Protein backbone atom coordinates (compact mmCIF):
# COMPACT_ATOMS: atom_id res chain seq x y z
CA MET A 1 42.10 -65.15 35.37
CA ALA A 2 42.45 -61.70 36.97
CA GLY A 3 43.97 -60.42 33.72
CA ALA A 4 41.10 -61.83 31.69
CA ALA A 5 38.55 -60.25 34.04
CA ALA A 6 40.34 -56.92 33.81
CA LEU A 7 40.18 -57.16 30.01
CA THR A 8 36.48 -58.12 30.03
CA VAL A 9 35.36 -54.97 31.86
CA PRO A 10 36.72 -52.50 29.25
CA LEU A 11 35.22 -54.64 26.47
CA VAL A 12 31.82 -54.55 28.15
CA VAL A 13 32.10 -50.77 28.58
CA LEU A 14 33.12 -50.40 24.93
CA ALA A 15 30.17 -52.52 23.80
CA VAL A 16 27.78 -50.35 25.81
CA LEU A 17 29.27 -47.17 24.37
CA VAL A 18 28.98 -48.53 20.84
CA ALA A 19 25.36 -49.52 21.45
CA LEU A 20 24.57 -46.06 22.84
CA GLY A 21 26.30 -44.45 19.87
CA VAL A 22 24.35 -46.51 17.38
CA SER A 23 21.12 -45.65 19.17
CA ALA A 24 21.97 -41.95 19.22
CA TRP A 25 22.85 -42.04 15.52
CA GLY A 26 19.61 -43.81 14.70
CA ARG A 27 17.63 -41.13 16.56
CA GLY A 28 19.53 -38.36 14.82
CA ASP A 29 21.02 -37.01 18.07
CA LEU A 30 24.50 -36.84 16.51
CA ASN A 31 23.48 -34.89 13.41
CA ARG A 32 24.75 -31.57 14.72
CA PHE A 33 28.18 -33.05 15.42
CA ILE A 34 28.58 -35.20 12.29
CA CYS A 35 26.87 -33.08 9.63
CA ASP A 36 26.61 -29.61 11.20
CA GLY A 37 22.83 -29.97 11.12
CA ASP A 38 21.49 -31.43 7.91
CA CYS A 39 22.88 -34.86 7.10
CA ALA A 40 22.94 -35.51 3.37
CA PRO A 41 21.41 -38.79 2.17
CA SER A 42 24.78 -40.51 2.05
CA ASN A 43 25.16 -39.91 5.80
CA VAL A 44 21.76 -41.30 6.78
CA THR A 45 21.35 -44.86 7.98
CA PRO A 46 17.99 -45.90 6.51
CA PRO A 47 15.59 -47.04 9.24
CA ASP A 48 13.93 -50.44 9.10
CA GLY A 49 11.37 -50.49 6.31
CA LEU A 50 13.19 -47.86 4.26
CA ALA A 51 16.40 -49.75 3.59
CA ALA A 52 17.73 -49.62 0.07
CA ALA A 53 16.70 -52.53 -2.09
CA PRO A 54 19.43 -54.24 -4.15
CA ALA A 55 17.88 -53.02 -7.41
CA PRO A 56 17.03 -50.23 -7.72
CA SER A 57 19.34 -49.12 -4.94
CA VAL A 58 17.03 -46.49 -3.42
CA PRO A 59 14.71 -46.65 -0.43
CA GLN A 60 11.38 -48.00 -1.65
CA PRO A 61 8.12 -48.53 0.21
CA ASP A 62 7.17 -52.20 0.12
CA ALA A 63 3.83 -53.38 1.43
CA ALA A 64 4.35 -57.08 0.72
CA ALA A 65 6.11 -58.08 3.95
CA ALA A 66 3.68 -56.57 6.45
CA GLY A 67 0.44 -57.00 4.53
CA PRO A 68 -2.17 -54.43 3.49
CA VAL A 69 -3.23 -51.35 5.43
CA ASP A 70 -6.73 -51.33 6.92
CA PRO A 71 -8.32 -48.05 5.74
CA ALA A 72 -10.55 -47.81 8.82
CA LYS A 73 -7.60 -48.09 11.18
CA LEU A 74 -5.67 -45.47 9.24
CA GLU A 75 -8.63 -43.08 9.32
CA ALA A 76 -9.02 -43.59 13.06
CA ALA A 77 -5.33 -42.86 13.58
CA VAL A 78 -5.23 -39.53 11.74
CA ALA A 79 -8.76 -38.10 11.92
CA ASP A 80 -8.37 -36.28 15.23
CA ARG A 81 -4.96 -34.92 14.22
CA LEU A 82 -6.47 -33.25 11.16
CA ASP A 83 -8.71 -31.17 13.42
CA ALA A 84 -5.80 -29.34 15.11
CA ALA A 85 -6.78 -25.70 15.67
CA ALA A 86 -3.48 -24.35 14.32
CA LEU A 87 -4.26 -25.86 10.90
CA GLY A 88 -7.37 -23.74 10.48
CA PRO A 89 -10.67 -24.57 8.79
CA ARG A 90 -9.38 -25.88 5.43
CA VAL A 91 -7.44 -29.10 5.82
CA GLY A 92 -7.07 -31.81 3.21
CA PHE A 93 -5.63 -35.29 3.50
CA ALA A 94 -5.12 -38.22 1.17
CA ALA A 95 -3.37 -41.54 1.64
CA THR A 96 -2.72 -44.48 -0.64
CA SER A 97 -0.79 -47.70 -0.62
CA PRO A 98 2.40 -47.77 -2.74
CA ASP A 99 0.46 -49.23 -5.67
CA GLY A 100 -1.86 -46.21 -5.64
CA THR A 101 -4.87 -47.83 -3.95
CA GLU A 102 -6.67 -45.09 -2.04
CA LEU A 103 -6.88 -45.72 1.70
CA PHE A 104 -8.45 -42.60 3.15
CA ALA A 105 -9.12 -39.04 1.99
CA SER A 106 -10.82 -35.97 3.37
CA GLY A 107 -11.17 -32.48 1.95
CA ALA A 108 -11.10 -33.38 -1.73
CA ARG A 109 -10.60 -29.81 -3.02
CA ALA A 110 -7.31 -28.39 -4.30
CA TYR A 111 -5.25 -26.34 -1.85
CA ALA A 112 -2.45 -23.80 -2.05
CA PRO A 113 0.51 -26.19 -1.81
CA ALA A 114 3.58 -23.98 -1.23
CA SER A 115 6.75 -26.02 -1.78
CA THR A 116 5.07 -29.40 -2.10
CA THR A 117 4.70 -28.14 -5.69
CA LYS A 118 8.28 -29.38 -6.09
CA VAL A 119 7.03 -32.98 -5.83
CA LEU A 120 5.27 -32.46 -9.16
CA THR A 121 8.18 -30.55 -10.68
CA GLY A 122 10.60 -33.29 -9.65
CA PHE A 123 8.36 -36.04 -10.96
CA ALA A 124 7.92 -34.27 -14.31
CA ALA A 125 11.67 -33.70 -14.60
CA LEU A 126 12.56 -37.34 -13.99
CA SER A 127 9.81 -38.67 -16.26
CA THR A 128 10.38 -36.18 -19.10
CA ILE A 129 14.17 -35.74 -19.10
CA GLU A 130 16.62 -38.64 -19.30
CA PRO A 131 17.89 -38.86 -15.66
CA GLY A 132 21.56 -38.80 -16.75
CA THR A 133 21.17 -35.54 -18.69
CA ARG A 134 23.68 -32.78 -17.93
CA PHE A 135 23.50 -29.11 -18.94
CA THR A 136 26.47 -27.48 -20.64
CA THR A 137 27.78 -23.97 -20.08
CA LYS A 138 30.18 -23.18 -22.89
CA VAL A 139 32.23 -20.56 -24.70
CA VAL A 140 32.02 -20.32 -28.49
CA ARG A 141 33.80 -18.28 -31.16
CA SER A 142 31.99 -15.26 -32.60
CA GLY A 143 34.02 -13.32 -35.16
CA ASP A 144 36.96 -11.79 -33.32
CA GLY A 145 35.27 -12.41 -29.99
CA ILE A 146 33.74 -15.13 -27.84
CA VAL A 147 30.29 -15.72 -26.39
CA LEU A 148 29.51 -17.26 -23.00
CA VAL A 149 26.46 -19.46 -23.58
CA GLY A 150 24.19 -20.43 -20.71
CA GLY A 151 22.91 -23.99 -20.68
CA GLY A 152 20.58 -23.68 -17.72
CA ASP A 153 22.80 -25.12 -14.99
CA PRO A 154 21.00 -24.11 -11.78
CA TYR A 155 24.12 -24.75 -9.71
CA LEU A 156 26.84 -23.18 -11.87
CA ALA A 157 29.33 -21.74 -9.37
CA THR A 158 32.11 -19.17 -9.44
CA LYS A 159 34.66 -21.56 -7.97
CA PRO A 160 35.05 -25.35 -7.93
CA ALA A 161 33.14 -27.01 -5.11
CA ALA A 162 35.02 -27.91 -1.96
CA LYS A 163 35.64 -31.62 -1.53
CA ASN A 164 32.88 -32.04 1.07
CA ASP A 165 30.32 -29.85 -0.70
CA ASP A 166 27.11 -31.11 -2.25
CA ARG A 167 27.78 -33.22 -5.34
CA VAL A 168 25.29 -31.06 -7.26
CA VAL A 169 27.91 -28.34 -7.80
CA GLN A 170 29.96 -29.80 -10.65
CA ALA A 171 30.55 -26.89 -13.04
CA ASP A 172 32.17 -23.54 -12.35
CA LEU A 173 33.31 -20.42 -14.18
CA THR A 174 36.84 -20.61 -12.78
CA THR A 175 37.41 -23.93 -14.54
CA LEU A 176 35.70 -22.64 -17.69
CA ALA A 177 37.92 -19.53 -17.69
CA ARG A 178 41.04 -21.65 -17.30
CA ARG A 179 40.06 -23.88 -20.21
CA THR A 180 39.05 -20.91 -22.33
CA ALA A 181 42.27 -19.03 -21.66
CA SER A 182 44.32 -22.10 -22.52
CA ALA A 183 42.48 -22.56 -25.83
CA LEU A 184 42.76 -18.88 -26.75
CA GLU A 185 46.45 -18.71 -25.95
CA ALA A 186 47.06 -21.85 -28.02
CA ALA A 187 45.42 -20.02 -30.91
CA GLY A 188 47.58 -16.93 -30.33
CA THR A 189 44.74 -14.80 -28.95
CA THR A 190 45.14 -12.73 -25.80
CA THR A 191 42.48 -10.03 -26.32
CA VAL A 192 38.80 -10.68 -27.08
CA ARG A 193 35.40 -9.12 -26.95
CA LEU A 194 32.96 -11.02 -24.74
CA GLY A 195 29.26 -11.55 -25.29
CA TYR A 196 26.80 -13.65 -23.35
CA ASP A 197 23.80 -15.67 -24.51
CA ALA A 198 21.00 -16.61 -22.11
CA SER A 199 18.40 -17.23 -24.80
CA LEU A 200 17.79 -20.90 -23.95
CA PHE A 201 14.97 -19.76 -21.67
CA THR A 202 12.22 -17.42 -22.80
CA GLY A 203 9.62 -15.20 -21.19
CA ALA A 204 9.74 -13.24 -17.96
CA GLY A 205 12.26 -14.03 -15.24
CA ALA A 206 9.57 -13.67 -12.57
CA SER A 207 6.19 -15.37 -12.61
CA PRO A 208 3.16 -13.08 -12.92
CA ALA A 209 1.72 -15.21 -10.11
CA TRP A 210 4.47 -14.13 -7.70
CA GLU A 211 4.24 -11.30 -5.23
CA PRO A 212 6.06 -8.19 -6.62
CA SER A 213 8.08 -8.10 -3.40
CA TYR A 214 9.84 -11.35 -4.34
CA LEU A 215 12.14 -9.34 -6.63
CA THR A 216 12.18 -5.99 -4.85
CA GLY A 217 12.53 -7.64 -1.45
CA ASN A 218 15.62 -9.67 -2.41
CA ILE A 219 13.83 -13.02 -2.16
CA VAL A 220 14.50 -14.47 -5.61
CA THR A 221 16.77 -14.06 -8.62
CA PRO A 222 15.01 -13.69 -11.99
CA VAL A 223 15.11 -17.08 -13.69
CA SER A 224 17.91 -17.26 -16.26
CA ALA A 225 19.66 -19.87 -18.39
CA LEU A 226 22.92 -18.18 -17.37
CA TRP A 227 23.75 -17.27 -13.82
CA VAL A 228 26.52 -17.98 -11.36
CA ASP A 229 25.94 -18.87 -7.70
CA GLN A 230 22.23 -18.57 -8.50
CA GLY A 231 22.74 -14.86 -9.07
CA VAL A 232 23.50 -14.24 -5.40
CA THR A 233 26.49 -12.20 -4.23
CA ASP A 234 27.00 -11.49 -0.53
CA GLY A 235 23.37 -12.34 0.08
CA ILE A 236 22.07 -9.99 -2.61
CA HIS A 237 20.03 -11.35 -5.54
CA ASP A 238 21.15 -9.78 -8.83
CA LEU A 239 18.35 -8.52 -11.04
CA GLU A 240 20.48 -9.14 -14.16
CA PRO A 241 22.12 -12.50 -13.41
CA ALA A 242 23.37 -13.24 -16.95
CA ASP A 243 25.17 -9.90 -17.17
CA ASP A 244 26.65 -10.46 -13.72
CA ALA A 245 27.87 -13.95 -14.71
CA ALA A 246 29.55 -12.54 -17.83
CA ARG A 247 31.31 -9.82 -15.85
CA THR A 248 32.54 -12.43 -13.38
CA PHE A 249 33.79 -14.52 -16.28
CA ALA A 250 35.62 -11.51 -17.78
CA ARG A 251 37.41 -10.98 -14.48
CA LEU A 252 38.41 -14.63 -14.32
CA LEU A 253 39.76 -14.47 -17.87
CA ALA A 254 41.78 -11.39 -16.96
CA ASP A 255 43.26 -13.28 -14.03
CA ARG A 256 44.55 -15.78 -16.59
CA GLY A 257 46.09 -13.28 -18.97
CA ILE A 258 43.18 -12.77 -21.38
CA THR A 259 42.13 -9.15 -21.83
CA VAL A 260 38.41 -8.55 -22.40
CA ASP A 261 37.93 -5.53 -24.64
CA GLY A 262 35.06 -3.41 -23.34
CA ARG A 263 32.10 -4.47 -21.23
CA PRO A 264 30.42 -7.84 -21.84
CA SER A 265 27.12 -7.50 -23.70
CA SER A 266 24.18 -9.67 -24.65
CA ALA A 267 24.82 -11.47 -27.95
CA ALA A 268 23.37 -14.46 -29.73
CA ALA A 269 25.84 -17.29 -30.29
CA PRO A 270 26.24 -17.72 -34.07
CA ALA A 271 24.72 -20.87 -35.53
CA GLY A 272 27.35 -23.55 -36.03
CA SER A 273 29.93 -21.59 -34.04
CA GLN A 274 33.11 -23.33 -32.89
CA ASP A 275 33.25 -24.42 -29.28
CA VAL A 276 36.19 -23.04 -27.30
CA ALA A 277 35.62 -24.66 -23.90
CA ALA A 278 32.79 -26.11 -21.80
CA VAL A 279 31.79 -27.33 -18.34
CA ARG A 280 28.89 -29.65 -17.54
CA SER A 281 26.39 -29.67 -14.70
CA ALA A 282 25.39 -32.45 -12.37
CA THR A 283 22.81 -34.83 -13.80
CA ILE A 284 19.15 -33.86 -13.67
CA GLU A 285 18.66 -36.74 -11.22
CA GLN A 286 21.22 -35.19 -8.84
CA ILE A 287 19.74 -31.73 -9.34
CA VAL A 288 16.24 -32.97 -8.47
CA GLU A 289 17.57 -34.71 -5.37
CA THR A 290 19.03 -31.47 -4.04
CA LEU A 291 16.17 -29.15 -4.95
CA VAL A 292 13.67 -31.50 -3.28
CA ARG A 293 15.78 -32.13 -0.18
CA VAL A 294 16.60 -28.49 0.58
CA SER A 295 13.51 -27.03 -1.17
CA ASP A 296 15.53 -24.89 -3.58
CA ASN A 297 13.10 -22.44 -5.18
CA LEU A 298 15.57 -21.08 -7.74
CA ALA A 299 16.70 -24.48 -8.96
CA ALA A 300 13.08 -25.62 -9.21
CA GLU A 301 12.28 -22.78 -11.61
CA VAL A 302 15.27 -23.60 -13.82
CA VAL A 303 14.26 -27.26 -13.86
CA LEU A 304 10.70 -26.28 -14.79
CA ARG A 305 12.06 -24.69 -17.97
CA HIS A 306 14.08 -27.78 -18.81
CA VAL A 307 10.90 -29.83 -18.47
CA ALA A 308 9.23 -27.45 -20.92
CA ILE A 309 12.10 -27.78 -23.41
CA ALA A 310 12.10 -31.58 -23.17
CA ALA A 311 8.35 -31.56 -23.82
CA GLY A 312 8.71 -29.29 -26.85
CA ARG A 313 7.02 -26.32 -25.17
CA PRO A 314 8.14 -22.70 -24.68
CA ALA A 315 10.79 -22.46 -21.96
CA ASP A 316 8.79 -20.13 -19.73
CA PHE A 317 6.49 -20.43 -16.72
CA ALA A 318 3.40 -21.31 -18.74
CA GLY A 319 5.24 -23.82 -20.92
CA GLY A 320 6.74 -25.49 -17.87
CA ALA A 321 3.41 -25.68 -16.07
CA ALA A 322 1.78 -27.22 -19.15
CA ALA A 323 4.61 -29.76 -19.45
CA VAL A 324 4.26 -30.78 -15.79
CA THR A 325 0.53 -31.27 -16.21
CA ALA A 326 1.12 -33.33 -19.35
CA ALA A 327 3.62 -35.56 -17.50
CA LEU A 328 1.09 -36.17 -14.73
CA ASP A 329 -1.67 -36.92 -17.20
CA ALA A 330 0.58 -39.40 -19.01
CA ALA A 331 1.13 -41.20 -15.69
CA ASP A 332 -2.64 -41.35 -15.01
CA VAL A 333 -2.34 -38.96 -12.06
CA ASP A 334 -5.59 -37.19 -11.18
CA THR A 335 -5.02 -33.49 -11.93
CA THR A 336 -8.50 -32.27 -10.97
CA GLY A 337 -8.23 -28.69 -9.71
CA LEU A 338 -4.55 -28.39 -10.60
CA VAL A 339 -3.33 -24.81 -11.14
CA LEU A 340 0.40 -24.11 -11.56
CA GLY A 341 1.99 -20.69 -11.94
CA ASP A 342 5.53 -21.85 -11.23
CA GLY A 343 7.65 -24.89 -10.38
CA SER A 344 8.70 -23.95 -6.86
CA GLY A 345 5.45 -23.23 -5.05
CA LEU A 346 6.23 -19.58 -4.35
CA SER A 347 2.96 -18.64 -6.05
CA ARG A 348 0.06 -18.37 -3.65
CA ASP A 349 -2.25 -18.98 -6.62
CA ASN A 350 -1.05 -22.56 -7.16
CA ARG A 351 -3.63 -25.22 -6.38
CA ILE A 352 -2.97 -28.95 -5.91
CA ALA A 353 -5.24 -31.59 -4.44
CA PRO A 354 -3.77 -33.96 -1.84
CA ARG A 355 -4.82 -36.83 -4.10
CA THR A 356 -2.66 -35.42 -6.92
CA LEU A 357 0.41 -35.36 -4.70
CA VAL A 358 0.05 -38.93 -3.43
CA GLN A 359 -0.78 -40.26 -6.87
CA ALA A 360 2.33 -38.58 -8.25
CA LEU A 361 4.40 -40.28 -5.55
CA ALA A 362 2.76 -43.62 -6.34
CA ALA A 363 3.47 -43.11 -10.04
CA ALA A 364 7.09 -42.29 -9.21
CA HIS A 365 7.34 -45.51 -7.21
CA ARG A 366 6.10 -47.61 -10.13
CA SER A 367 8.89 -46.65 -12.53
CA PRO A 368 12.65 -47.21 -12.06
CA ARG A 369 13.21 -43.96 -13.94
CA THR A 370 11.32 -41.86 -11.38
CA SER A 371 11.59 -43.97 -8.23
CA THR A 372 14.53 -41.94 -6.95
CA LEU A 373 12.06 -39.14 -6.20
CA LEU A 374 10.90 -41.02 -3.10
CA ALA A 375 14.49 -41.39 -1.90
CA ASP A 376 15.00 -37.65 -2.46
CA LEU A 377 12.35 -36.71 0.10
CA PRO A 378 13.76 -35.36 3.39
CA VAL A 379 13.97 -37.86 6.25
CA SER A 380 12.23 -36.88 9.49
CA GLY A 381 14.77 -35.56 11.97
CA PHE A 382 17.72 -36.23 9.65
CA THR A 383 17.83 -34.37 6.35
CA GLY A 384 16.85 -31.26 4.45
CA THR A 385 13.80 -29.32 5.53
CA LEU A 386 12.90 -31.98 8.13
CA VAL A 387 16.22 -31.93 9.93
CA ARG A 388 14.86 -29.85 12.83
CA ARG A 389 11.36 -31.27 12.88
CA PHE A 390 9.90 -34.31 14.65
CA ALA A 391 12.19 -33.55 17.61
CA GLU A 392 9.52 -34.57 20.15
CA LEU A 393 8.05 -37.37 18.04
CA GLU A 394 10.64 -40.07 18.53
CA ASN A 395 8.48 -42.85 17.11
CA ALA A 396 8.37 -40.97 13.79
CA ARG A 397 12.02 -39.94 13.52
CA GLY A 398 13.65 -41.68 10.61
CA VAL A 399 10.49 -43.45 9.42
CA VAL A 400 8.91 -40.56 7.55
CA ARG A 401 10.12 -39.15 4.23
CA ALA A 402 8.25 -36.05 3.14
CA LYS A 403 8.43 -32.79 1.23
CA THR A 404 7.46 -29.73 3.20
CA GLY A 405 5.55 -26.68 2.04
CA THR A 406 5.41 -23.40 3.93
CA LEU A 407 4.13 -19.92 3.15
CA THR A 408 2.35 -17.54 5.49
CA GLY A 409 -0.87 -19.30 6.45
CA ILE A 410 -0.06 -22.27 4.19
CA HIS A 411 1.44 -25.54 5.41
CA SER A 412 1.71 -28.91 3.70
CA LEU A 413 3.55 -32.21 3.94
CA ALA A 414 3.65 -34.92 1.29
CA GLY A 415 5.57 -38.18 1.30
CA TYR A 416 5.35 -41.54 2.99
CA ALA A 417 5.60 -43.11 6.40
CA THR A 418 5.85 -46.68 7.63
CA ASP A 419 3.38 -47.73 10.29
CA ALA A 420 4.35 -49.49 13.51
CA ASP A 421 4.56 -52.84 11.71
CA GLY A 422 6.45 -51.60 8.66
CA ARG A 423 3.53 -50.97 6.29
CA PRO A 424 4.24 -47.99 4.01
CA VAL A 425 1.60 -45.32 3.52
CA LEU A 426 1.87 -42.55 0.95
CA PHE A 427 0.21 -39.42 2.29
CA ALA A 428 -0.35 -35.72 1.77
CA VAL A 429 -1.77 -33.30 4.31
CA MET A 430 -2.46 -29.68 3.36
CA ALA A 431 -3.80 -26.59 5.14
CA ASP A 432 -4.06 -23.24 3.38
CA ARG A 433 -5.91 -21.18 5.95
CA ALA A 434 -3.75 -21.99 8.93
CA ASP A 435 -3.40 -19.61 11.84
CA GLU A 436 -0.79 -17.10 10.63
CA ALA A 437 0.17 -16.37 14.23
CA GLN A 438 1.07 -20.02 14.91
CA PRO A 439 3.35 -21.24 12.10
CA VAL A 440 5.43 -23.46 14.37
CA GLN A 441 2.33 -25.02 15.86
CA ALA A 442 0.90 -25.64 12.38
CA GLN A 443 4.08 -27.42 11.27
CA ALA A 444 4.02 -29.49 14.45
CA ALA A 445 0.40 -30.42 13.76
CA LEU A 446 1.37 -31.73 10.31
CA ASP A 447 4.22 -33.70 11.87
CA ARG A 448 1.78 -35.26 14.34
CA VAL A 449 -0.36 -36.48 11.42
CA ALA A 450 2.67 -38.28 9.99
CA ALA A 451 3.62 -39.53 13.46
CA ALA A 452 0.11 -40.95 13.92
CA ILE A 453 0.68 -43.08 10.81
CA ALA A 454 4.04 -44.22 12.17
CA ALA A 455 2.48 -45.18 15.51
CA CYS A 456 -0.48 -47.02 13.96
CA SER A 457 -0.66 -50.79 13.74
CA CYS A 458 -2.83 -50.36 10.69
CA GLY A 459 -3.05 -53.92 9.46
């Protein structure tokens, strides 16, 4: 008996430790140890109400179990939060049920959205482009030389991704150089001239709606169908990313015994030219997941051009914006007041109404093809741009999924939350004249709006 009692005590202690560990994991307290900060979706245990459904296997809001939301109760829960001083005098809010039924709205105008623009870009990408589509970077023959042809892979890298890196990095120039060198050597060629073709995209690499300092201040890389590491080397954004990618490729070929004669130069790939080697990107579905989760401005602009191409429009800023609007119109999303100058939200001239954002999310929810967009949204306190937010709002940690938007004086949040009884509410809250001296307070005020939904027994 004494031996059994002695064994029981450690088991009880172990059970308590396990329970504490599970609780800490559920609150996100272990993120910094397990994921070094941002836990990717595969490392997140979905909270109750957001668990993955068997088919499709993504977190989906489901109002059936808990019953409908009472609009009056929802309004009462959030109204005072929308008056936070840090948000300034222009605050808009809209909320719907998952089927798109409007629950409560205030401030019906369109607002400067910042990065919540990516909700629309992501929706248009998934609805316009087959989700399994990959983009090919290849080398083709051109006379006595070769041409490196950009396929618009926003995550083309110099080197293969490390085993634990984001799955979105699936193509790299090192692998392409190895395959190219092998093919050239098999054909008896050890010296070539190298050209590069980035003509898949057209128009300017920087939006006319952007601040000039975005380029001169090392904030963005000009959008290109051919770049490597997003045109960033040692923290510096290259102003000629296609040329830089070609020079990197020439060096990698040289490392493998292929001499590049002269400096790489811009050259159109001949029609019907023979392929030498190729690498393929992650799928557009995987690309959208990453750009939404981490709010990747550069990837969003590349994806905007792919949306334009898929819609048969010019692969530039205007063509992409028109294609996004067309995708929203086709899904019966209200686009009143919509103005888009880019796909990332860097433009301060963009205008989106809260109603447009929530209706886009509701439209995404209705279709298996686009429903992954809701699962891509950062999880409060766990992933992406929300990993360090909601720290003092424990009731809302893990029960809110939302895309953030932040520029000076502009703050927005769009996604969905489950109320205290598990009822999902799609919402968007936007402020574009927030107190510029209180950015942290403004973000916290948005978080408290979402937390008020999570704390509400809104049935």
